[in-house]
């Protein structure tokens, strides 16, 4: 597995915080996903070996928690809230707009044809008073209607074009 040296150092340090090594499984999964972008099969086996576990003990956590991804995603990750407050104020239309803008589907593991964006329809992003809300990478955007979704899409496309030139 190809982790950055600083990630390997953080992993070794995190393990020391737990009297039972098994308890470090979730933090290690987060560190691997933060570094690689997802949890590949080889990392499940590597973490299991590192913590003296069976791979199934790590896999059961990866498959249970929805924040862990088993496949790569686009360079940019757009999460659109679909819970009640957002749904009532247009979250579904917002999500459809992003999907149209990037020629992709919504859900998990759907990457735009250019590999730039993954759009995911998610549960609560905890900003019901400013619905509909969208999390782009780690930045929360509030009151995202169709017009604002198009503007955010244009901004992402412009950034991608600038990066490529």
N, C-alpha and C. Protein backbone atom coordinates (compact mmCIF):
# COMPACT_ATOMS: atom_id res chain seq x y z
N UNK A 1 0.85 -1.17 0.00
CA UNK A 1 0.00 0.00 0.00
C UNK A 1 0.90 1.23 0.00
N UNK A 2 0.49 2.22 -0.75
CA UNK A 2 1.33 3.39 -0.97
C UNK A 2 0.79 4.60 -0.20
N UNK A 3 1.12 4.69 1.09
CA UNK A 3 0.71 5.82 1.92
C UNK A 3 1.87 6.80 2.07
N UNK A 4 1.52 8.07 2.23
CA UNK A 4 2.54 9.09 2.45
C UNK A 4 3.26 8.81 3.78
N UNK A 5 4.53 9.16 3.86
CA UNK A 5 5.28 8.95 5.11
C UNK A 5 4.61 9.60 6.33
N UNK A 6 4.04 10.80 6.13
CA UNK A 6 3.39 11.46 7.26
C UNK A 6 2.14 10.72 7.72
N UNK A 7 1.44 10.06 6.77
CA UNK A 7 0.28 9.27 7.15
C UNK A 7 0.72 8.05 7.95
N UNK A 8 1.77 7.40 7.51
CA UNK A 8 2.29 6.24 8.23
C UNK A 8 2.72 6.64 9.64
N UNK A 9 3.31 7.80 9.77
CA UNK A 9 3.73 8.29 11.08
C UNK A 9 2.51 8.56 11.96
N UNK A 10 1.49 9.18 11.39
CA UNK A 10 0.25 9.46 12.16
C UNK A 10 -0.43 8.16 12.58
N UNK A 11 -0.42 7.15 11.70
CA UNK A 11 -1.03 5.86 12.03
C UNK A 11 -0.32 5.24 13.24
N UNK A 12 0.99 5.22 13.20
CA UNK A 12 1.75 4.66 14.32
C UNK A 12 1.48 5.42 15.61
N UNK A 13 1.35 6.74 15.50
CA UNK A 13 1.09 7.56 16.68
C UNK A 13 -0.33 7.34 17.21
N UNK A 14 -1.32 7.24 16.32
CA UNK A 14 -2.71 7.05 16.73
C UNK A 14 -2.88 5.74 17.49
N UNK A 15 -2.24 4.72 17.04
CA UNK A 15 -2.39 3.40 17.69
C UNK A 15 -1.99 3.47 19.16
N UNK A 16 -1.00 4.30 19.48
CA UNK A 16 -0.53 4.39 20.87
C UNK A 16 -1.57 5.01 21.80
N UNK A 17 -2.59 5.65 21.26
CA UNK A 17 -3.62 6.29 22.08
C UNK A 17 -4.66 5.30 22.61
N UNK A 18 -4.62 4.08 22.16
CA UNK A 18 -5.64 3.10 22.50
C UNK A 18 -5.01 1.92 23.26
N UNK A 19 -5.56 1.60 24.44
CA UNK A 19 -5.02 0.47 25.18
C UNK A 19 -5.27 -0.88 24.49
N UNK A 20 -6.32 -0.93 23.68
CA UNK A 20 -6.62 -2.11 22.87
C UNK A 20 -6.47 -1.67 21.41
N UNK A 21 -5.54 -2.28 20.69
CA UNK A 21 -5.23 -1.85 19.32
C UNK A 21 -6.46 -1.83 18.41
N UNK A 22 -7.37 -2.77 18.60
CA UNK A 22 -8.58 -2.86 17.79
C UNK A 22 -9.36 -1.54 17.77
N UNK A 23 -9.30 -0.82 18.87
CA UNK A 23 -10.04 0.45 18.98
C UNK A 23 -9.54 1.52 18.02
N UNK A 24 -8.39 1.33 17.44
CA UNK A 24 -7.83 2.29 16.50
C UNK A 24 -8.31 2.06 15.07
N UNK A 25 -9.16 1.07 14.85
CA UNK A 25 -9.57 0.73 13.49
C UNK A 25 -10.23 1.90 12.77
N UNK A 26 -11.21 2.52 13.36
CA UNK A 26 -11.89 3.65 12.69
C UNK A 26 -10.94 4.81 12.41
N UNK A 27 -10.14 5.25 13.37
CA UNK A 27 -9.20 6.32 13.04
C UNK A 27 -8.24 5.95 11.92
N UNK A 28 -7.78 4.71 11.87
CA UNK A 28 -6.88 4.30 10.80
C UNK A 28 -7.59 4.31 9.46
N UNK A 29 -8.83 3.88 9.43
CA UNK A 29 -9.60 3.92 8.18
C UNK A 29 -9.74 5.36 7.69
N UNK A 30 -10.01 6.27 8.61
CA UNK A 30 -10.12 7.69 8.23
C UNK A 30 -8.81 8.21 7.66
N UNK A 31 -7.70 7.85 8.30
CA UNK A 31 -6.39 8.32 7.83
C UNK A 31 -6.07 7.77 6.44
N UNK A 32 -6.37 6.51 6.21
CA UNK A 32 -6.11 5.91 4.90
C UNK A 32 -6.97 6.58 3.84
N UNK A 33 -8.26 6.77 4.14
CA UNK A 33 -9.14 7.40 3.15
C UNK A 33 -8.73 8.85 2.90
N UNK A 34 -8.30 9.55 3.92
CA UNK A 34 -7.84 10.92 3.76
C UNK A 34 -6.62 10.98 2.84
N UNK A 35 -5.76 9.99 2.94
CA UNK A 35 -4.53 9.96 2.14
C UNK A 35 -4.81 9.48 0.71
N UNK A 36 -5.50 8.36 0.57
CA UNK A 36 -5.69 7.73 -0.74
C UNK A 36 -6.96 8.20 -1.45
N UNK A 37 -7.98 8.57 -0.66
CA UNK A 37 -9.25 9.00 -1.24
C UNK A 37 -10.34 7.97 -1.13
N UNK A 38 -9.98 6.74 -0.80
CA UNK A 38 -10.94 5.66 -0.63
C UNK A 38 -10.24 4.54 0.14
N UNK A 39 -10.96 3.45 0.39
CA UNK A 39 -10.41 2.32 1.14
C UNK A 39 -10.26 1.13 0.20
N UNK A 40 -9.09 0.96 -0.41
CA UNK A 40 -8.90 -0.20 -1.29
C UNK A 40 -8.78 -1.50 -0.48
N UNK A 41 -9.02 -2.61 -1.15
CA UNK A 41 -8.98 -3.93 -0.50
C UNK A 41 -7.66 -4.15 0.23
N UNK A 42 -6.56 -3.77 -0.39
CA UNK A 42 -5.25 -4.00 0.23
C UNK A 42 -5.10 -3.25 1.54
N UNK A 43 -5.78 -2.09 1.69
CA UNK A 43 -5.68 -1.34 2.93
C UNK A 43 -6.45 -2.02 4.05
N UNK A 44 -7.54 -2.69 3.70
CA UNK A 44 -8.30 -3.45 4.70
C UNK A 44 -7.40 -4.53 5.30
N UNK A 45 -6.71 -5.25 4.43
CA UNK A 45 -5.80 -6.30 4.89
C UNK A 45 -4.62 -5.72 5.66
N UNK A 46 -4.10 -4.58 5.20
CA UNK A 46 -2.96 -3.95 5.87
C UNK A 46 -3.33 -3.48 7.27
N UNK A 47 -4.49 -2.82 7.40
CA UNK A 47 -4.95 -2.36 8.72
C UNK A 47 -5.18 -3.55 9.64
N UNK A 48 -5.79 -4.60 9.12
CA UNK A 48 -6.04 -5.79 9.93
C UNK A 48 -4.72 -6.35 10.47
N UNK A 49 -3.75 -6.44 9.61
CA UNK A 49 -2.44 -6.96 10.03
C UNK A 49 -1.80 -6.03 11.07
N UNK A 50 -1.89 -4.73 10.83
CA UNK A 50 -1.30 -3.73 11.73
C UNK A 50 -1.90 -3.81 13.13
N UNK A 51 -3.20 -4.15 13.20
CA UNK A 51 -3.91 -4.16 14.48
C UNK A 51 -4.15 -5.57 15.02
N UNK A 52 -3.52 -6.56 14.41
CA UNK A 52 -3.68 -7.97 14.83
C UNK A 52 -5.14 -8.41 14.79
N UNK A 53 -5.81 -8.08 13.69
CA UNK A 53 -7.22 -8.45 13.48
C UNK A 53 -7.33 -9.32 12.23
N UNK A 54 -8.51 -9.88 12.05
CA UNK A 54 -8.84 -10.55 10.80
C UNK A 54 -9.36 -9.49 9.84
N UNK A 55 -9.09 -9.61 8.55
CA UNK A 55 -9.60 -8.62 7.59
C UNK A 55 -11.11 -8.40 7.68
N UNK A 56 -11.87 -9.43 8.02
CA UNK A 56 -13.33 -9.29 8.11
C UNK A 56 -13.70 -8.28 9.20
N UNK A 57 -12.88 -8.18 10.25
CA UNK A 57 -13.15 -7.22 11.32
C UNK A 57 -13.03 -5.79 10.84
N UNK A 58 -12.17 -5.53 9.89
CA UNK A 58 -12.02 -4.19 9.30
C UNK A 58 -13.10 -3.99 8.24
N UNK A 59 -13.32 -5.00 7.42
CA UNK A 59 -14.33 -4.90 6.35
C UNK A 59 -15.72 -4.62 6.90
N UNK A 60 -16.05 -5.22 8.05
CA UNK A 60 -17.39 -4.99 8.59
C UNK A 60 -17.59 -3.51 8.96
N UNK A 61 -16.55 -2.82 9.35
CA UNK A 61 -16.67 -1.38 9.64
C UNK A 61 -16.77 -0.58 8.35
N UNK A 62 -15.94 -0.93 7.37
CA UNK A 62 -15.96 -0.23 6.08
C UNK A 62 -17.33 -0.37 5.42
N UNK A 63 -17.92 -1.55 5.50
CA UNK A 63 -19.21 -1.77 4.85
C UNK A 63 -20.38 -1.22 5.66
N UNK A 64 -20.20 -1.01 6.95
CA UNK A 64 -21.28 -0.49 7.79
C UNK A 64 -21.39 1.03 7.71
N UNK A 65 -20.27 1.72 7.80
CA UNK A 65 -20.28 3.18 7.84
C UNK A 65 -20.28 3.78 6.44
N UNK A 66 -21.30 4.61 6.13
CA UNK A 66 -21.41 5.14 4.77
C UNK A 66 -20.35 6.17 4.40
N UNK A 67 -19.60 6.68 5.36
CA UNK A 67 -18.59 7.69 5.01
C UNK A 67 -17.35 7.06 4.39
N UNK A 68 -17.23 5.74 4.49
CA UNK A 68 -16.09 5.08 3.88
C UNK A 68 -16.42 4.66 2.46
N UNK A 69 -15.49 4.94 1.56
CA UNK A 69 -15.69 4.62 0.15
C UNK A 69 -14.76 3.47 -0.25
N UNK A 70 -15.29 2.53 -1.02
CA UNK A 70 -14.50 1.38 -1.48
C UNK A 70 -13.91 1.60 -2.86
N UNK A 71 -14.35 2.66 -3.53
CA UNK A 71 -13.87 2.95 -4.88
C UNK A 71 -13.44 4.41 -4.94
N UNK A 72 -12.56 4.73 -5.89
CA UNK A 72 -12.16 6.14 -6.03
C UNK A 72 -13.36 7.01 -6.43
N UNK A 73 -13.25 8.28 -6.10
CA UNK A 73 -14.28 9.24 -6.51
C UNK A 73 -13.60 10.30 -7.37
N UNK A 74 -14.40 11.21 -7.90
CA UNK A 74 -13.85 12.31 -8.69
C UNK A 74 -12.96 13.20 -7.84
N UNK A 75 -12.22 14.07 -8.49
CA UNK A 75 -11.33 14.97 -7.77
C UNK A 75 -12.10 15.88 -6.83
N UNK A 76 -13.32 16.27 -7.23
CA UNK A 76 -14.20 17.09 -6.40
C UNK A 76 -15.39 16.23 -5.98
N UNK A 77 -15.81 16.39 -4.72
CA UNK A 77 -16.90 15.59 -4.18
C UNK A 77 -18.03 16.52 -3.76
N UNK A 78 -19.16 16.39 -4.46
CA UNK A 78 -20.33 17.22 -4.18
C UNK A 78 -21.36 16.35 -3.46
N UNK A 79 -21.68 16.76 -2.23
CA UNK A 79 -22.70 16.05 -1.44
C UNK A 79 -23.90 16.97 -1.29
N UNK A 80 -25.05 16.49 -1.73
CA UNK A 80 -26.29 17.27 -1.64
C UNK A 80 -27.19 16.62 -0.61
N UNK A 81 -27.65 17.41 0.36
CA UNK A 81 -28.53 16.89 1.41
C UNK A 81 -29.89 16.52 0.83
N UNK A 82 -30.40 15.37 1.28
CA UNK A 82 -31.71 14.93 0.79
C UNK A 82 -32.74 14.77 1.89
N UNK A 83 -32.41 15.16 3.13
CA UNK A 83 -33.38 14.99 4.21
C UNK A 83 -34.49 16.02 4.12
N UNK A 84 -35.45 15.93 5.00
CA UNK A 84 -36.73 16.62 4.87
C UNK A 84 -36.63 18.12 4.60
N UNK A 85 -35.89 18.85 5.41
CA UNK A 85 -35.82 20.31 5.21
C UNK A 85 -35.30 20.66 3.83
N UNK A 86 -34.24 19.99 3.44
CA UNK A 86 -33.66 20.27 2.11
C UNK A 86 -34.58 19.79 0.99
N UNK A 87 -35.19 18.64 1.18
CA UNK A 87 -36.09 18.11 0.16
C UNK A 87 -37.28 19.04 -0.07
N UNK A 88 -37.83 19.57 0.99
CA UNK A 88 -38.99 20.45 0.87
C UNK A 88 -38.67 21.77 0.17
N UNK A 89 -37.43 22.21 0.26
CA UNK A 89 -37.07 23.50 -0.31
C UNK A 89 -36.32 23.35 -1.63
N UNK A 90 -36.24 22.13 -2.16
CA UNK A 90 -35.67 21.98 -3.50
C UNK A 90 -34.39 21.19 -3.61
N UNK A 91 -34.02 20.43 -2.60
CA UNK A 91 -32.79 19.65 -2.63
C UNK A 91 -32.71 18.68 -3.79
N UNK A 92 -33.86 18.09 -4.15
CA UNK A 92 -33.86 17.13 -5.26
C UNK A 92 -33.55 17.85 -6.58
N UNK A 93 -34.13 19.01 -6.78
CA UNK A 93 -33.85 19.80 -7.99
C UNK A 93 -32.38 20.24 -8.01
N UNK A 94 -31.86 20.61 -6.85
CA UNK A 94 -30.45 21.01 -6.75
C UNK A 94 -29.57 19.85 -7.18
N UNK A 95 -29.85 18.67 -6.67
CA UNK A 95 -29.05 17.49 -6.99
C UNK A 95 -29.15 17.16 -8.48
N UNK A 96 -30.35 17.23 -9.02
CA UNK A 96 -30.55 16.98 -10.46
C UNK A 96 -29.76 17.98 -11.30
N UNK A 97 -29.72 19.22 -10.86
CA UNK A 97 -28.98 20.26 -11.58
C UNK A 97 -27.50 19.92 -11.63
N UNK A 98 -26.92 19.55 -10.49
CA UNK A 98 -25.51 19.17 -10.48
C UNK A 98 -25.27 17.97 -11.40
N UNK A 99 -26.16 16.99 -11.36
CA UNK A 99 -26.01 15.81 -12.21
C UNK A 99 -26.05 16.20 -13.69
N UNK A 100 -26.95 17.08 -14.06
CA UNK A 100 -27.02 17.55 -15.45
C UNK A 100 -25.77 18.33 -15.84
N UNK A 101 -25.33 19.20 -14.96
CA UNK A 101 -24.16 20.04 -15.24
C UNK A 101 -22.89 19.22 -15.49
N UNK A 102 -22.79 18.08 -14.80
CA UNK A 102 -21.58 17.27 -14.92
C UNK A 102 -21.81 15.95 -15.65
N UNK A 103 -22.96 15.83 -16.31
CA UNK A 103 -23.28 14.65 -17.13
C UNK A 103 -23.06 13.35 -16.37
N UNK A 104 -23.63 13.27 -15.18
CA UNK A 104 -23.48 12.07 -14.36
C UNK A 104 -24.80 11.73 -13.69
N UNK A 105 -24.74 10.70 -12.88
CA UNK A 105 -25.89 10.28 -12.09
C UNK A 105 -25.62 10.64 -10.64
N UNK A 106 -26.67 10.66 -9.84
CA UNK A 106 -26.49 10.89 -8.41
C UNK A 106 -26.46 9.54 -7.71
N UNK A 107 -25.97 9.53 -6.51
CA UNK A 107 -25.86 8.31 -5.74
C UNK A 107 -24.43 8.14 -5.29
N UNK A 108 -24.02 6.92 -5.10
CA UNK A 108 -22.64 6.66 -4.70
C UNK A 108 -21.86 6.14 -5.89
N UNK A 109 -20.61 6.51 -5.95
CA UNK A 109 -19.67 5.97 -6.93
C UNK A 109 -19.96 6.37 -8.38
N UNK A 110 -20.72 7.42 -8.60
CA UNK A 110 -20.95 7.91 -9.96
C UNK A 110 -20.03 9.09 -10.21
N UNK A 111 -19.09 8.90 -11.10
CA UNK A 111 -18.08 9.91 -11.41
C UNK A 111 -18.38 10.51 -12.77
N UNK A 112 -18.21 11.82 -12.89
CA UNK A 112 -18.43 12.48 -14.18
C UNK A 112 -17.48 11.89 -15.22
N UNK A 113 -17.86 11.94 -16.49
CA UNK A 113 -17.03 11.33 -17.55
C UNK A 113 -15.58 11.83 -17.57
N UNK A 114 -15.36 13.08 -17.15
CA UNK A 114 -13.99 13.60 -17.14
C UNK A 114 -13.23 13.27 -15.85
N UNK A 115 -13.89 12.57 -14.92
CA UNK A 115 -13.25 12.19 -13.67
C UNK A 115 -13.15 13.31 -12.66
N UNK A 116 -13.73 14.45 -12.98
CA UNK A 116 -13.60 15.63 -12.12
C UNK A 116 -14.50 15.59 -10.89
N UNK A 117 -15.74 15.09 -11.03
CA UNK A 117 -16.72 15.26 -9.97
C UNK A 117 -17.47 13.96 -9.66
N UNK A 118 -17.70 13.75 -8.37
CA UNK A 118 -18.64 12.73 -7.91
C UNK A 118 -19.76 13.48 -7.20
N UNK A 119 -20.99 13.15 -7.56
CA UNK A 119 -22.15 13.77 -6.91
C UNK A 119 -22.83 12.70 -6.08
N UNK A 120 -23.06 13.03 -4.81
CA UNK A 120 -23.67 12.07 -3.91
C UNK A 120 -24.85 12.72 -3.19
N UNK A 121 -25.95 12.03 -3.15
CA UNK A 121 -27.14 12.45 -2.43
C UNK A 121 -27.03 11.86 -1.04
N UNK A 122 -26.89 12.68 -0.02
CA UNK A 122 -26.56 12.20 1.32
C UNK A 122 -27.63 12.57 2.35
N UNK A 123 -27.49 11.96 3.51
CA UNK A 123 -28.36 12.31 4.63
C UNK A 123 -27.90 13.64 5.21
N UNK A 124 -28.55 14.08 6.21
CA UNK A 124 -28.43 15.41 6.81
C UNK A 124 -27.01 15.96 6.89
N UNK A 125 -26.86 17.20 6.43
CA UNK A 125 -25.59 17.92 6.55
C UNK A 125 -25.65 18.94 7.69
N UNK A 126 -26.70 18.86 8.49
CA UNK A 126 -26.84 19.62 9.74
C UNK A 126 -26.87 21.14 9.57
N UNK A 127 -27.60 21.59 8.57
CA UNK A 127 -27.81 23.02 8.39
C UNK A 127 -29.22 23.26 7.86
N UNK A 128 -30.19 22.66 8.54
CA UNK A 128 -31.58 22.66 8.08
C UNK A 128 -32.16 24.06 7.89
N UNK A 129 -31.73 25.00 8.68
CA UNK A 129 -32.25 26.36 8.58
C UNK A 129 -31.81 27.11 7.33
N UNK A 130 -30.83 26.56 6.62
CA UNK A 130 -30.33 27.22 5.41
C UNK A 130 -30.46 26.30 4.20
N UNK A 131 -31.47 25.47 4.22
CA UNK A 131 -31.69 24.48 3.16
C UNK A 131 -32.04 25.13 1.84
N UNK A 132 -31.75 24.42 0.73
CA UNK A 132 -30.97 23.19 0.63
C UNK A 132 -29.47 23.47 0.76
N UNK A 133 -28.79 22.51 1.38
CA UNK A 133 -27.35 22.66 1.60
C UNK A 133 -26.56 21.63 0.80
N UNK A 134 -25.35 22.05 0.44
CA UNK A 134 -24.45 21.23 -0.37
C UNK A 134 -23.06 21.33 0.25
N UNK A 135 -22.39 20.20 0.34
CA UNK A 135 -21.02 20.18 0.81
C UNK A 135 -20.13 19.84 -0.38
N UNK A 136 -19.29 20.78 -0.77
CA UNK A 136 -18.36 20.55 -1.88
C UNK A 136 -16.99 20.40 -1.25
N UNK A 137 -16.47 19.19 -1.35
CA UNK A 137 -15.26 18.82 -0.64
C UNK A 137 -15.52 19.07 0.85
N UNK A 138 -14.89 20.05 1.45
CA UNK A 138 -15.12 20.33 2.87
C UNK A 138 -15.80 21.67 3.11
N UNK A 139 -16.34 22.28 2.06
CA UNK A 139 -16.94 23.60 2.18
C UNK A 139 -18.46 23.53 2.05
N UNK A 140 -19.15 24.01 3.09
CA UNK A 140 -20.61 23.99 3.11
C UNK A 140 -21.16 25.19 2.34
N UNK A 141 -22.14 24.93 1.48
CA UNK A 141 -22.83 25.98 0.73
C UNK A 141 -24.30 25.93 1.12
N UNK A 142 -24.86 27.08 1.47
CA UNK A 142 -26.22 27.14 1.96
C UNK A 142 -27.15 27.78 0.94
N UNK A 143 -28.44 27.48 1.10
CA UNK A 143 -29.48 28.03 0.22
C UNK A 143 -29.15 27.79 -1.25
N UNK A 144 -28.77 26.56 -1.58
CA UNK A 144 -28.35 26.24 -2.94
C UNK A 144 -29.56 25.84 -3.78
N UNK A 145 -30.10 26.81 -4.48
CA UNK A 145 -31.19 26.54 -5.41
C UNK A 145 -30.58 26.18 -6.77
N UNK A 146 -31.41 26.03 -7.77
CA UNK A 146 -30.93 25.65 -9.10
C UNK A 146 -29.94 26.68 -9.65
N UNK A 147 -30.24 27.95 -9.49
CA UNK A 147 -29.36 29.00 -10.00
C UNK A 147 -27.99 28.95 -9.33
N UNK A 148 -27.98 28.80 -8.01
CA UNK A 148 -26.71 28.75 -7.28
C UNK A 148 -25.96 27.45 -7.61
N UNK A 149 -26.69 26.35 -7.84
CA UNK A 149 -26.05 25.09 -8.23
C UNK A 149 -25.34 25.25 -9.57
N UNK A 150 -25.98 25.94 -10.50
CA UNK A 150 -25.34 26.19 -11.80
C UNK A 150 -24.10 27.06 -11.65
N UNK A 151 -24.18 28.09 -10.80
CA UNK A 151 -23.03 28.97 -10.58
C UNK A 151 -21.87 28.20 -9.94
N UNK A 152 -22.17 27.35 -8.96
CA UNK A 152 -21.12 26.53 -8.34
C UNK A 152 -20.52 25.56 -9.35
N UNK A 153 -21.37 24.99 -10.20
CA UNK A 153 -20.88 24.09 -11.26
C UNK A 153 -19.95 24.82 -12.21
N UNK A 154 -20.35 26.04 -12.61
CA UNK A 154 -19.49 26.83 -13.50
C UNK A 154 -18.14 27.12 -12.85
N UNK A 155 -18.16 27.41 -11.55
CA UNK A 155 -16.91 27.68 -10.82
C UNK A 155 -16.01 26.44 -10.81
N UNK A 156 -16.59 25.27 -10.56
CA UNK A 156 -15.82 24.02 -10.53
C UNK A 156 -15.24 23.73 -11.92
N UNK A 157 -16.05 23.95 -12.95
CA UNK A 157 -15.58 23.72 -14.33
C UNK A 157 -14.44 24.68 -14.68
N UNK A 158 -14.57 25.93 -14.27
CA UNK A 158 -13.54 26.93 -14.55
C UNK A 158 -12.23 26.58 -13.84
N UNK A 159 -12.33 26.14 -12.59
CA UNK A 159 -11.14 25.74 -11.84
C UNK A 159 -10.46 24.54 -12.49
N UNK A 160 -11.26 23.60 -12.96
CA UNK A 160 -10.71 22.41 -13.63
C UNK A 160 -10.02 22.79 -14.93
N UNK A 161 -10.63 23.70 -15.69
CA UNK A 161 -10.03 24.14 -16.96
C UNK A 161 -8.72 24.88 -16.70
N UNK A 162 -8.69 25.71 -15.67
CA UNK A 162 -7.48 26.47 -15.35
C UNK A 162 -6.35 25.52 -14.91
N UNK A 163 -6.72 24.50 -14.18
CA UNK A 163 -5.73 23.53 -13.70
C UNK A 163 -5.13 22.74 -14.87
N UNK A 164 -5.94 22.49 -15.89
CA UNK A 164 -5.48 21.70 -17.03
C UNK A 164 -4.64 22.50 -18.01
N UNK A 165 -4.78 23.83 -17.95
CA UNK A 165 -4.02 24.64 -18.92
C UNK A 165 -2.72 25.14 -18.36
